Amino acid sequence: MVNNYDKIARHYDKLSRLVFFKAQLNAQINQLSHIPQNSNVLIAGGGTGWILEELAKVHPAGLKIVYVEISAKMIALSKARNYRGNEVIFLNQGIETFTAKTAFDAVLTPFLFDNFSEKRASQVFEQLDSCLKPAALWFLVDFSLNTSKGKWWKLLLLKSMYRFFKLLGIVEASNLIDMHPYFLKRNYEVVEERFYYGDFIKGAIYKK
């Protein structure tokens, strides 16, 4: 299966922190205070599930979370997390095959779209947009090349990352898709935008 991190599931967090230190974590953690109480939350591609414990620090109970992850090993690690009084439904499938049974107040897509070809990224965006309530929040964290600051080393690092994952047969993408125009086209409002790791990692909150 494409975009499946089973091969490196147990080492993924260590690898990411070896390269990016805590930038990837902070980009996601800093957004969580914007999630309203008692929300229906969709997490698309949640990885090892550490985000569930961070969510529980902000909201110890009351959240109804649907956790979609294509890697069975990532799901197993996620189920072992302490998400306290929140309700979590784990779905071991690709987000592109997910069918929503309810509308969501918020969706988290941490480092999701950098896995996809442009065609699949567009399809997944439309799919997720369709299952959000009006005024819902979309928490996007991903790599960014949209600032001129150090663009040469960002391109070099990004190319190295894609080459590494291609050798492992993990991701389908070869290039980073800029998702911001998709949000503009659907008239999303930018609530917050922060940059990390020399502006290479972007954390944005969009309101539908």
N, C-alpha and C. Protein backbone atom coordinates (compact mmCIF):
# COMPACT_ATOMS: atom_id res chain seq x y z
N MET A 1 0.84 -1.20 0.00
CA MET A 1 0.00 0.00 0.00
C MET A 1 0.88 1.26 0.00
N VAL A 2 0.49 2.25 -0.80
CA VAL A 2 1.26 3.48 -0.83
C VAL A 2 1.00 4.31 0.42
N ASN A 3 2.00 5.14 0.78
CA ASN A 3 1.89 6.05 1.91
C ASN A 3 1.63 5.32 3.23
N ASN A 4 2.24 4.14 3.34
CA ASN A 4 2.09 3.30 4.53
C ASN A 4 3.44 3.21 5.23
N TYR A 5 3.48 3.62 6.50
CA TYR A 5 4.74 3.71 7.23
C TYR A 5 4.99 2.51 8.14
N ASP A 6 4.40 1.39 7.83
CA ASP A 6 4.60 0.19 8.65
C ASP A 6 6.08 -0.14 8.84
N LYS A 7 6.88 0.02 7.80
CA LYS A 7 8.28 -0.38 7.83
C LYS A 7 9.09 0.37 8.88
N ILE A 8 8.68 1.60 9.18
CA ILE A 8 9.46 2.40 10.13
C ILE A 8 8.61 2.92 11.28
N ALA A 9 7.47 2.29 11.53
CA ALA A 9 6.53 2.79 12.53
C ALA A 9 7.17 2.99 13.90
N ARG A 10 7.92 2.00 14.35
CA ARG A 10 8.50 2.07 15.70
C ARG A 10 9.65 3.07 15.80
N HIS A 11 10.19 3.46 14.66
CA HIS A 11 11.34 4.37 14.66
C HIS A 11 10.98 5.76 14.13
N TYR A 12 9.73 5.93 13.71
CA TYR A 12 9.36 7.17 13.02
C TYR A 12 9.58 8.41 13.88
N ASP A 13 9.10 8.39 15.11
CA ASP A 13 9.23 9.57 15.97
C ASP A 13 10.70 9.90 16.25
N LYS A 14 11.51 8.87 16.48
CA LYS A 14 12.94 9.10 16.73
C LYS A 14 13.62 9.70 15.51
N LEU A 15 13.27 9.20 14.33
CA LEU A 15 13.86 9.71 13.09
C LEU A 15 13.48 11.17 12.87
N SER A 16 12.21 11.49 13.09
CA SER A 16 11.76 12.86 12.86
C SER A 16 12.42 13.83 13.84
N ARG A 17 12.60 13.39 15.08
CA ARG A 17 13.21 14.27 16.07
C ARG A 17 14.72 14.37 15.89
N LEU A 18 15.31 13.35 15.30
CA LEU A 18 16.74 13.40 14.99
C LEU A 18 17.01 14.48 13.95
N VAL A 19 16.11 14.64 13.01
CA VAL A 19 16.28 15.63 11.95
C VAL A 19 15.71 16.99 12.34
N PHE A 20 14.48 16.99 12.86
CA PHE A 20 13.76 18.24 13.08
C PHE A 20 13.65 18.64 14.56
N PHE A 21 14.32 17.88 15.43
CA PHE A 21 14.23 18.13 16.87
C PHE A 21 12.75 18.11 17.28
N LYS A 22 12.26 19.15 17.93
CA LYS A 22 10.85 19.15 18.36
C LYS A 22 9.96 20.04 17.49
N ALA A 23 10.48 20.46 16.34
CA ALA A 23 9.72 21.39 15.50
C ALA A 23 8.43 20.77 15.00
N GLN A 24 8.47 19.51 14.56
CA GLN A 24 7.26 18.87 14.08
C GLN A 24 6.22 18.71 15.19
N LEU A 25 6.68 18.41 16.40
CA LEU A 25 5.78 18.28 17.54
C LEU A 25 5.17 19.62 17.90
N ASN A 26 6.03 20.64 18.04
CA ASN A 26 5.54 21.94 18.47
C ASN A 26 4.55 22.54 17.49
N ALA A 27 4.77 22.31 16.19
CA ALA A 27 3.86 22.84 15.18
C ALA A 27 2.45 22.30 15.37
N GLN A 28 2.35 21.06 15.85
CA GLN A 28 1.03 20.46 16.09
C GLN A 28 0.49 20.81 17.47
N ILE A 29 1.34 20.74 18.48
CA ILE A 29 0.90 21.00 19.85
C ILE A 29 0.37 22.42 20.00
N ASN A 30 1.03 23.38 19.37
CA ASN A 30 0.63 24.78 19.53
C ASN A 30 -0.75 25.08 18.96
N GLN A 31 -1.28 24.19 18.13
CA GLN A 31 -2.60 24.41 17.55
C GLN A 31 -3.75 23.91 18.43
N LEU A 32 -3.43 23.01 19.33
CA LEU A 32 -4.49 22.24 20.00
C LEU A 32 -5.42 23.06 20.89
N SER A 33 -4.93 24.18 21.39
CA SER A 33 -5.78 25.00 22.26
C SER A 33 -6.95 25.62 21.49
N HIS A 34 -6.90 25.61 20.17
CA HIS A 34 -7.99 26.16 19.36
C HIS A 34 -9.14 25.19 19.18
N ILE A 35 -8.95 23.94 19.54
CA ILE A 35 -10.02 22.95 19.39
C ILE A 35 -11.08 23.18 20.48
N PRO A 36 -12.33 23.42 20.09
CA PRO A 36 -13.38 23.67 21.08
C PRO A 36 -13.69 22.43 21.93
N GLN A 37 -14.23 22.66 23.10
CA GLN A 37 -14.66 21.56 23.96
C GLN A 37 -15.76 20.75 23.28
N ASN A 38 -15.80 19.46 23.61
CA ASN A 38 -16.86 18.55 23.16
C ASN A 38 -17.00 18.50 21.63
N SER A 39 -15.87 18.62 20.95
CA SER A 39 -15.88 18.61 19.49
C SER A 39 -15.85 17.19 18.93
N ASN A 40 -16.39 17.07 17.72
CA ASN A 40 -16.16 15.88 16.90
C ASN A 40 -14.91 16.16 16.06
N VAL A 41 -13.88 15.36 16.26
CA VAL A 41 -12.57 15.62 15.64
C VAL A 41 -12.16 14.46 14.75
N LEU A 42 -11.70 14.80 13.56
CA LEU A 42 -11.15 13.80 12.65
C LEU A 42 -9.64 14.01 12.58
N ILE A 43 -8.89 12.94 12.82
CA ILE A 43 -7.44 12.98 12.66
C ILE A 43 -7.07 12.09 11.49
N ALA A 44 -6.51 12.68 10.46
CA ALA A 44 -6.18 11.96 9.24
C ALA A 44 -4.68 11.74 9.14
N GLY A 45 -4.26 10.50 9.31
CA GLY A 45 -2.83 10.20 9.28
C GLY A 45 -2.14 10.60 10.57
N GLY A 46 -2.59 10.05 11.66
CA GLY A 46 -2.11 10.47 12.97
C GLY A 46 -0.78 9.89 13.41
N GLY A 47 -0.25 8.93 12.65
CA GLY A 47 1.04 8.36 13.01
C GLY A 47 1.00 7.52 14.26
N THR A 48 1.97 7.71 15.14
CA THR A 48 2.11 6.87 16.33
C THR A 48 1.14 7.22 17.45
N GLY A 49 0.38 8.29 17.28
CA GLY A 49 -0.68 8.59 18.24
C GLY A 49 -0.30 9.48 19.41
N TRP A 50 0.92 10.00 19.42
CA TRP A 50 1.30 10.86 20.55
C TRP A 50 0.39 12.09 20.63
N ILE A 51 -0.19 12.50 19.49
CA ILE A 51 -1.06 13.66 19.47
C ILE A 51 -2.31 13.44 20.34
N LEU A 52 -2.72 12.18 20.52
CA LEU A 52 -3.88 11.88 21.37
C LEU A 52 -3.60 12.24 22.82
N GLU A 53 -2.38 12.00 23.28
CA GLU A 53 -2.02 12.34 24.65
C GLU A 53 -1.92 13.85 24.83
N GLU A 54 -1.43 14.54 23.80
CA GLU A 54 -1.36 16.00 23.88
C GLU A 54 -2.75 16.62 23.85
N LEU A 55 -3.63 16.04 23.06
CA LEU A 55 -5.03 16.49 23.04
C LEU A 55 -5.68 16.31 24.41
N ALA A 56 -5.36 15.20 25.06
CA ALA A 56 -5.94 14.90 26.37
C ALA A 56 -5.46 15.87 27.44
N LYS A 57 -4.31 16.49 27.23
CA LYS A 57 -3.83 17.51 28.17
C LYS A 57 -4.66 18.77 28.07
N VAL A 58 -5.15 19.07 26.86
CA VAL A 58 -5.99 20.25 26.64
C VAL A 58 -7.44 19.95 26.97
N HIS A 59 -7.91 18.78 26.53
CA HIS A 59 -9.28 18.34 26.78
C HIS A 59 -9.23 16.92 27.35
N PRO A 60 -9.22 16.77 28.66
CA PRO A 60 -9.13 15.44 29.29
C PRO A 60 -10.33 14.56 29.00
N ALA A 61 -11.43 15.15 28.58
CA ALA A 61 -12.65 14.38 28.27
C ALA A 61 -13.53 15.23 27.36
N GLY A 62 -14.50 14.56 26.73
CA GLY A 62 -15.50 15.28 25.96
C GLY A 62 -15.32 15.25 24.46
N LEU A 63 -14.13 14.92 23.99
CA LEU A 63 -13.91 14.88 22.54
C LEU A 63 -14.34 13.53 21.97
N LYS A 64 -14.91 13.55 20.79
CA LYS A 64 -15.20 12.34 20.04
C LYS A 64 -14.29 12.36 18.81
N ILE A 65 -13.34 11.45 18.81
CA ILE A 65 -12.27 11.47 17.81
C ILE A 65 -12.36 10.26 16.89
N VAL A 66 -12.28 10.51 15.60
CA VAL A 66 -12.13 9.44 14.62
C VAL A 66 -10.69 9.51 14.12
N TYR A 67 -9.97 8.42 14.32
CA TYR A 67 -8.53 8.39 14.07
C TYR A 67 -8.27 7.46 12.88
N VAL A 68 -7.95 8.04 11.73
CA VAL A 68 -7.76 7.28 10.50
C VAL A 68 -6.27 7.19 10.19
N GLU A 69 -5.77 5.97 10.09
CA GLU A 69 -4.34 5.74 9.83
C GLU A 69 -4.18 4.46 9.02
N ILE A 70 -3.43 4.55 7.91
CA ILE A 70 -3.29 3.41 7.01
C ILE A 70 -2.33 2.34 7.53
N SER A 71 -1.41 2.73 8.41
CA SER A 71 -0.43 1.79 8.95
C SER A 71 -0.98 1.04 10.15
N ALA A 72 -1.06 -0.29 10.04
CA ALA A 72 -1.55 -1.12 11.15
C ALA A 72 -0.64 -1.00 12.36
N LYS A 73 0.65 -0.88 12.13
CA LYS A 73 1.60 -0.76 13.25
C LYS A 73 1.45 0.58 13.95
N MET A 74 1.18 1.62 13.19
CA MET A 74 0.93 2.94 13.79
C MET A 74 -0.36 2.90 14.62
N ILE A 75 -1.37 2.22 14.11
CA ILE A 75 -2.63 2.09 14.84
C ILE A 75 -2.41 1.38 16.17
N ALA A 76 -1.61 0.31 16.14
CA ALA A 76 -1.34 -0.45 17.37
C ALA A 76 -0.64 0.44 18.41
N LEU A 77 0.31 1.24 17.97
CA LEU A 77 1.01 2.16 18.87
C LEU A 77 0.04 3.22 19.41
N SER A 78 -0.85 3.69 18.55
CA SER A 78 -1.80 4.74 18.93
C SER A 78 -2.80 4.25 19.97
N LYS A 79 -3.24 3.00 19.81
CA LYS A 79 -4.22 2.44 20.75
C LYS A 79 -3.65 2.32 22.17
N ALA A 80 -2.34 2.24 22.27
CA ALA A 80 -1.70 2.11 23.59
C ALA A 80 -1.54 3.46 24.30
N ARG A 81 -1.88 4.54 23.63
CA ARG A 81 -1.73 5.87 24.22
C ARG A 81 -2.81 6.13 25.27
N ASN A 82 -2.50 7.06 26.15
CA ASN A 82 -3.45 7.46 27.20
C ASN A 82 -4.23 8.69 26.73
N TYR A 83 -5.41 8.46 26.18
CA TYR A 83 -6.22 9.59 25.70
C TYR A 83 -7.32 9.93 26.69
N ARG A 84 -7.19 9.39 27.90
CA ARG A 84 -8.02 9.72 29.05
C ARG A 84 -9.51 9.53 28.77
N GLY A 85 -10.34 10.55 29.04
CA GLY A 85 -11.77 10.37 28.93
C GLY A 85 -12.34 10.64 27.56
N ASN A 86 -11.48 10.88 26.59
CA ASN A 86 -11.97 11.13 25.23
C ASN A 86 -12.34 9.81 24.54
N GLU A 87 -13.30 9.87 23.67
CA GLU A 87 -13.73 8.70 22.92
C GLU A 87 -12.99 8.66 21.58
N VAL A 88 -12.31 7.56 21.30
CA VAL A 88 -11.53 7.46 20.07
C VAL A 88 -11.95 6.21 19.28
N ILE A 89 -12.30 6.41 18.04
CA ILE A 89 -12.57 5.30 17.12
C ILE A 89 -11.38 5.19 16.17
N PHE A 90 -10.73 4.05 16.17
CA PHE A 90 -9.56 3.84 15.33
C PHE A 90 -9.96 3.12 14.05
N LEU A 91 -9.57 3.69 12.92
CA LEU A 91 -9.86 3.09 11.62
C LEU A 91 -8.55 2.86 10.88
N ASN A 92 -8.25 1.60 10.62
CA ASN A 92 -7.02 1.24 9.92
C ASN A 92 -7.29 1.22 8.40
N GLN A 93 -7.20 2.41 7.80
CA GLN A 93 -7.42 2.53 6.36
C GLN A 93 -6.82 3.84 5.88
N GLY A 94 -6.64 3.95 4.57
CA GLY A 94 -6.18 5.20 4.00
C GLY A 94 -7.27 6.24 4.06
N ILE A 95 -6.90 7.48 4.26
CA ILE A 95 -7.90 8.54 4.38
C ILE A 95 -8.72 8.67 3.09
N GLU A 96 -8.12 8.30 1.95
CA GLU A 96 -8.83 8.43 0.69
C GLU A 96 -9.98 7.43 0.55
N THR A 97 -10.01 6.41 1.42
CA THR A 97 -11.11 5.43 1.40
C THR A 97 -12.09 5.66 2.54
N PHE A 98 -11.87 6.71 3.32
CA PHE A 98 -12.71 6.99 4.49
C PHE A 98 -14.04 7.61 4.07
N THR A 99 -15.11 7.14 4.68
CA THR A 99 -16.45 7.70 4.48
C THR A 99 -16.98 8.19 5.82
N ALA A 100 -17.26 9.46 5.91
CA ALA A 100 -17.70 10.04 7.18
C ALA A 100 -19.15 9.68 7.47
N LYS A 101 -19.43 9.30 8.73
CA LYS A 101 -20.79 9.01 9.17
C LYS A 101 -21.38 10.17 9.95
N THR A 102 -20.55 11.18 10.19
CA THR A 102 -20.99 12.37 10.90
C THR A 102 -20.20 13.56 10.38
N ALA A 103 -20.67 14.76 10.65
CA ALA A 103 -19.93 15.96 10.28
C ALA A 103 -18.99 16.35 11.43
N PHE A 104 -17.85 16.89 11.10
CA PHE A 104 -16.82 17.17 12.11
C PHE A 104 -16.67 18.67 12.36
N ASP A 105 -16.31 18.96 13.61
CA ASP A 105 -16.02 20.34 14.02
C ASP A 105 -14.59 20.72 13.70
N ALA A 106 -13.73 19.72 13.58
CA ALA A 106 -12.31 19.98 13.33
C ALA A 106 -11.68 18.77 12.65
N VAL A 107 -10.69 19.05 11.82
CA VAL A 107 -9.90 17.98 11.21
C VAL A 107 -8.42 18.34 11.35
N LEU A 108 -7.63 17.34 11.70
CA LEU A 108 -6.18 17.49 11.80
C LEU A 108 -5.53 16.68 10.69
N THR A 109 -4.68 17.33 9.91
CA THR A 109 -3.95 16.64 8.84
C THR A 109 -2.46 16.90 8.99
N PRO A 110 -1.82 16.28 9.99
CA PRO A 110 -0.39 16.52 10.23
C PRO A 110 0.48 15.78 9.22
N PHE A 111 1.22 16.53 8.42
CA PHE A 111 2.14 15.97 7.44
C PHE A 111 1.47 14.89 6.60
N LEU A 112 0.26 15.20 6.17
CA LEU A 112 -0.51 14.26 5.35
C LEU A 112 -0.30 14.49 3.86
N PHE A 113 -0.45 15.72 3.43
CA PHE A 113 -0.47 15.99 1.99
C PHE A 113 0.90 15.87 1.33
N ASP A 114 1.98 15.88 2.10
CA ASP A 114 3.30 15.72 1.48
C ASP A 114 3.52 14.29 0.97
N ASN A 115 2.60 13.39 1.30
CA ASN A 115 2.69 12.01 0.82
C ASN A 115 2.08 11.82 -0.57
N PHE A 116 1.20 12.73 -0.98
CA PHE A 116 0.34 12.48 -2.12
C PHE A 116 0.84 13.11 -3.42
N SER A 117 0.47 12.48 -4.53
CA SER A 117 0.58 13.12 -5.83
C SER A 117 -0.43 14.25 -5.87
N GLU A 118 -0.29 15.15 -6.83
CA GLU A 118 -1.19 16.30 -6.89
C GLU A 118 -2.64 15.86 -7.09
N LYS A 119 -2.86 14.85 -7.92
CA LYS A 119 -4.22 14.38 -8.17
C LYS A 119 -4.86 13.84 -6.89
N ARG A 120 -4.12 13.01 -6.16
CA ARG A 120 -4.67 12.43 -4.94
C ARG A 120 -4.84 13.48 -3.85
N ALA A 121 -3.91 14.44 -3.78
CA ALA A 121 -4.02 15.52 -2.79
C ALA A 121 -5.31 16.30 -3.01
N SER A 122 -5.62 16.58 -4.27
CA SER A 122 -6.84 17.31 -4.59
C SER A 122 -8.08 16.51 -4.20
N GLN A 123 -8.06 15.22 -4.46
CA GLN A 123 -9.19 14.35 -4.12
C GLN A 123 -9.41 14.29 -2.61
N VAL A 124 -8.31 14.14 -1.87
CA VAL A 124 -8.41 14.04 -0.41
C VAL A 124 -8.89 15.36 0.18
N PHE A 125 -8.41 16.48 -0.37
CA PHE A 125 -8.87 17.78 0.12
C PHE A 125 -10.38 17.92 -0.03
N GLU A 126 -10.89 17.61 -1.22
CA GLU A 126 -12.32 17.72 -1.47
C GLU A 126 -13.12 16.79 -0.56
N GLN A 127 -12.58 15.61 -0.34
CA GLN A 127 -13.24 14.62 0.52
C GLN A 127 -13.34 15.13 1.96
N LEU A 128 -12.23 15.66 2.48
CA LEU A 128 -12.23 16.16 3.85
C LEU A 128 -13.09 17.41 3.99
N ASP A 129 -13.03 18.27 3.02
CA ASP A 129 -13.85 19.48 3.04
C ASP A 129 -15.34 19.14 3.14
N SER A 130 -15.74 18.08 2.45
CA SER A 130 -17.16 17.71 2.41
C SER A 130 -17.68 17.16 3.74
N CYS A 131 -16.79 16.72 4.62
CA CYS A 131 -17.27 16.16 5.89
C CYS A 131 -17.08 17.12 7.07
N LEU A 132 -16.84 18.40 6.77
CA LEU A 132 -16.71 19.41 7.82
C LEU A 132 -17.97 20.25 7.93
N LYS A 133 -18.31 20.59 9.16
CA LYS A 133 -19.43 21.49 9.41
C LYS A 133 -19.07 22.91 8.97
N PRO A 134 -20.06 23.76 8.72
CA PRO A 134 -19.77 25.18 8.51
C PRO A 134 -19.05 25.74 9.73
N ALA A 135 -18.04 26.57 9.49
CA ALA A 135 -17.22 27.19 10.55
C ALA A 135 -16.29 26.19 11.25
N ALA A 136 -16.18 24.99 10.70
CA ALA A 136 -15.24 24.01 11.26
C ALA A 136 -13.80 24.48 11.06
N LEU A 137 -12.90 23.95 11.88
CA LEU A 137 -11.49 24.31 11.81
C LEU A 137 -10.68 23.19 11.17
N TRP A 138 -9.77 23.58 10.30
CA TRP A 138 -8.85 22.63 9.65
C TRP A 138 -7.45 22.95 10.13
N PHE A 139 -6.82 22.00 10.81
CA PHE A 139 -5.48 22.18 11.36
C PHE A 139 -4.48 21.52 10.41
N LEU A 140 -3.78 22.34 9.66
CA LEU A 140 -2.83 21.85 8.66
C LEU A 140 -1.40 22.07 9.15
N VAL A 141 -0.62 20.99 9.20
CA VAL A 141 0.81 21.11 9.48
C VAL A 141 1.54 20.35 8.39
N ASP A 142 2.49 21.03 7.75
CA ASP A 142 3.21 20.38 6.67
C ASP A 142 4.48 21.17 6.36
N PHE A 143 5.27 20.62 5.46
CA PHE A 143 6.47 21.33 5.01
C PHE A 143 6.06 22.45 4.07
N SER A 144 6.91 23.47 3.98
CA SER A 144 6.59 24.63 3.17
C SER A 144 7.85 25.16 2.48
N LEU A 145 7.67 25.53 1.22
CA LEU A 145 8.76 26.15 0.45
C LEU A 145 8.38 27.57 0.03
N ASN A 146 7.38 28.13 0.70
CA ASN A 146 6.81 29.40 0.25
C ASN A 146 7.53 30.64 0.75
N THR A 147 8.58 30.47 1.53
CA THR A 147 9.37 31.62 1.95
C THR A 147 10.75 31.52 1.31
N SER A 148 11.34 32.65 1.03
CA SER A 148 12.65 32.66 0.36
C SER A 148 13.79 32.33 1.32
N LYS A 149 13.53 32.38 2.60
CA LYS A 149 14.56 32.15 3.61
C LYS A 149 15.13 30.73 3.51
N GLY A 150 16.40 30.61 3.09
CA GLY A 150 17.07 29.31 3.04
C GLY A 150 16.43 28.32 2.10
N LYS A 151 15.91 28.78 0.97
CA LYS A 151 15.17 27.88 0.10
C LYS A 151 16.04 26.76 -0.45
N TRP A 152 17.32 27.03 -0.63
CA TRP A 152 18.21 26.02 -1.23
C TRP A 152 18.34 24.80 -0.33
N TRP A 153 18.52 25.02 0.99
CA TRP A 153 18.68 23.87 1.88
C TRP A 153 17.35 23.14 2.11
N LYS A 154 16.26 23.87 2.02
CA LYS A 154 14.95 23.23 2.15
C LYS A 154 14.70 22.29 0.97
N LEU A 155 15.01 22.76 -0.23
CA LEU A 155 14.85 21.91 -1.42
C LEU A 155 15.75 20.69 -1.34
N LEU A 156 16.97 20.89 -0.87
CA LEU A 156 17.91 19.78 -0.74
C LEU A 156 17.43 18.76 0.28
N LEU A 157 16.97 19.24 1.44
CA LEU A 157 16.48 18.35 2.49
C LEU A 157 15.22 17.63 2.04
N LEU A 158 14.33 18.35 1.38
CA LEU A 158 13.09 17.74 0.91
C LEU A 158 13.37 16.65 -0.12
N LYS A 159 14.29 16.93 -1.03
CA LYS A 159 14.65 15.94 -2.04
C LYS A 159 15.26 14.71 -1.40
N SER A 160 16.08 14.90 -0.37
CA SER A 160 16.69 13.77 0.34
C SER A 160 15.64 12.94 1.05
N MET A 161 14.67 13.61 1.64
CA MET A 161 13.58 12.91 2.33
C MET A 161 12.77 12.05 1.37
N TYR A 162 12.40 12.64 0.24
CA TYR A 162 11.63 11.89 -0.75
C TYR A 162 12.43 10.71 -1.30
N ARG A 163 13.71 10.91 -1.49
CA ARG A 163 14.55 9.82 -1.99
C ARG A 163 14.61 8.68 -0.98
N PHE A 164 14.74 9.02 0.30
CA PHE A 164 14.79 8.02 1.37
C PHE A 164 13.49 7.20 1.42
N PHE A 165 12.36 7.90 1.40
CA PHE A 165 11.07 7.21 1.47
C PHE A 165 10.77 6.43 0.19
N LYS A 166 11.25 6.93 -0.94
CA LYS A 166 11.07 6.19 -2.19
C LYS A 166 11.85 4.88 -2.15
N LEU A 167 13.06 4.92 -1.60
CA LEU A 167 13.87 3.69 -1.49
C LEU A 167 13.17 2.65 -0.63
N LEU A 168 12.44 3.10 0.38
CA LEU A 168 11.69 2.19 1.25
C LEU A 168 10.35 1.81 0.64
N GLY A 169 9.99 2.45 -0.46
CA GLY A 169 8.71 2.15 -1.10
C GLY A 169 7.53 2.63 -0.29
N ILE A 170 7.68 3.77 0.39
CA ILE A 170 6.64 4.23 1.30
C ILE A 170 5.69 5.25 0.65
N VAL A 171 6.23 6.32 0.08
CA VAL A 171 5.37 7.40 -0.40
C VAL A 171 5.27 7.40 -1.92
N GLU A 172 4.15 7.94 -2.41
CA GLU A 172 3.93 8.06 -3.84
C GLU A 172 4.44 9.38 -4.39
N ALA A 173 4.52 10.39 -3.54
CA ALA A 173 4.85 11.75 -4.00
C ALA A 173 6.33 11.89 -4.32
N SER A 174 6.61 12.80 -5.24
CA SER A 174 7.99 13.18 -5.56
C SER A 174 8.21 14.67 -5.34
N ASN A 175 7.10 15.41 -5.26
CA ASN A 175 7.16 16.85 -5.08
C ASN A 175 6.15 17.28 -4.02
N LEU A 176 6.46 18.40 -3.37
CA LEU A 176 5.58 18.94 -2.34
C LEU A 176 4.47 19.76 -2.99
N ILE A 177 3.23 19.48 -2.61
CA ILE A 177 2.08 20.22 -3.13
C ILE A 177 1.75 21.37 -2.19
N ASP A 178 1.63 22.57 -2.73
CA ASP A 178 1.21 23.72 -1.94
C ASP A 178 -0.31 23.67 -1.80
N MET A 179 -0.78 23.44 -0.59
CA MET A 179 -2.23 23.27 -0.37
C MET A 179 -2.96 24.59 -0.14
N HIS A 180 -2.24 25.66 0.11
CA HIS A 180 -2.89 26.93 0.43
C HIS A 180 -3.91 27.38 -0.64
N PRO A 181 -3.58 27.26 -1.94
CA PRO A 181 -4.57 27.66 -2.96
C PRO A 181 -5.88 26.89 -2.89
N TYR A 182 -5.83 25.65 -2.43
CA TYR A 182 -7.06 24.86 -2.29
C TYR A 182 -7.99 25.49 -1.25
N PHE A 183 -7.39 25.95 -0.16
CA PHE A 183 -8.20 26.60 0.88
C PHE A 183 -8.76 27.94 0.40
N LEU A 184 -7.95 28.68 -0.32
CA LEU A 184 -8.41 29.96 -0.86
C LEU A 184 -9.59 29.76 -1.82
N LYS A 185 -9.48 28.74 -2.64
CA LYS A 185 -10.54 28.47 -3.62
C LYS A 185 -11.87 28.17 -2.93
N ARG A 186 -11.80 27.53 -1.76
CA ARG A 186 -13.01 27.19 -1.02
C ARG A 186 -13.38 28.26 0.01
N ASN A 187 -12.71 29.39 -0.04
CA ASN A 187 -13.02 30.55 0.81
C ASN A 187 -12.81 30.29 2.30
N TYR A 188 -11.82 29.47 2.63
CA TYR A 188 -11.44 29.30 4.03
C TYR A 188 -10.76 30.57 4.54
N GLU A 189 -10.96 30.84 5.80
CA GLU A 189 -10.31 31.98 6.46
C GLU A 189 -9.08 31.49 7.22
N VAL A 190 -7.98 32.20 7.11
CA VAL A 190 -6.78 31.85 7.86
C VAL A 190 -6.91 32.40 9.28
N VAL A 191 -7.00 31.50 10.25
CA VAL A 191 -7.14 31.89 11.65
C VAL A 191 -5.77 32.15 12.27
N GLU A 192 -4.83 31.30 11.93
CA GLU A 192 -3.48 31.42 12.49
C GLU A 192 -2.48 30.76 11.55
N GLU A 193 -1.29 31.31 11.52
CA GLU A 193 -0.23 30.73 10.70
C GLU A 193 1.10 30.92 11.42
N ARG A 194 1.80 29.82 11.65
CA ARG A 194 3.10 29.88 12.32
C ARG A 194 4.11 29.05 11.53
N PHE A 195 5.38 29.45 11.65
CA PHE A 195 6.44 28.73 10.96
C PHE A 195 7.50 28.25 11.95
N TYR A 196 8.11 27.12 11.61
CA TYR A 196 9.07 26.47 12.48
C TYR A 196 10.25 25.97 11.64
N TYR A 197 11.34 25.68 12.34
CA TYR A 197 12.52 25.07 11.70
C TYR A 197 12.95 25.89 10.47
N GLY A 198 13.25 27.16 10.72
CA GLY A 198 13.70 28.03 9.64
C GLY A 198 12.66 28.24 8.57
N ASP A 199 11.40 28.24 8.97
CA ASP A 199 10.24 28.42 8.08
C ASP A 199 10.01 27.22 7.15
N PHE A 200 10.63 26.09 7.43
CA PHE A 200 10.45 24.90 6.59
C PHE A 200 9.19 24.13 6.96
N ILE A 201 8.71 24.32 8.19
CA ILE A 201 7.49 23.66 8.66
C ILE A 201 6.46 24.74 8.96
N LYS A 202 5.27 24.54 8.40
CA LYS A 202 4.19 25.51 8.55
C LYS A 202 3.03 24.90 9.30
N GLY A 203 2.55 25.62 10.28
CA GLY A 203 1.35 25.23 11.01
C GLY A 203 0.28 26.29 10.76
N ALA A 204 -0.80 25.90 10.13
CA ALA A 204 -1.88 26.84 9.80
C ALA A 204 -3.22 26.31 10.29
N ILE A 205 -4.07 27.23 10.72
CA ILE A 205 -5.43 26.89 11.10
C ILE A 205 -6.37 27.65 10.16
N TYR A 206 -7.20 26.88 9.47
CA TYR A 206 -8.17 27.46 8.54
C TYR A 206 -9.59 27.26 9.09
N LYS A 207 -10.44 28.26 8.85
CA LYS A 207 -11.84 28.17 9.26
C LYS A 207 -12.71 28.09 8.02
N LYS A 208 -13.57 27.10 7.99
CA LYS A 208 -14.43 26.91 6.82
C LYS A 208 -15.51 27.98 6.74
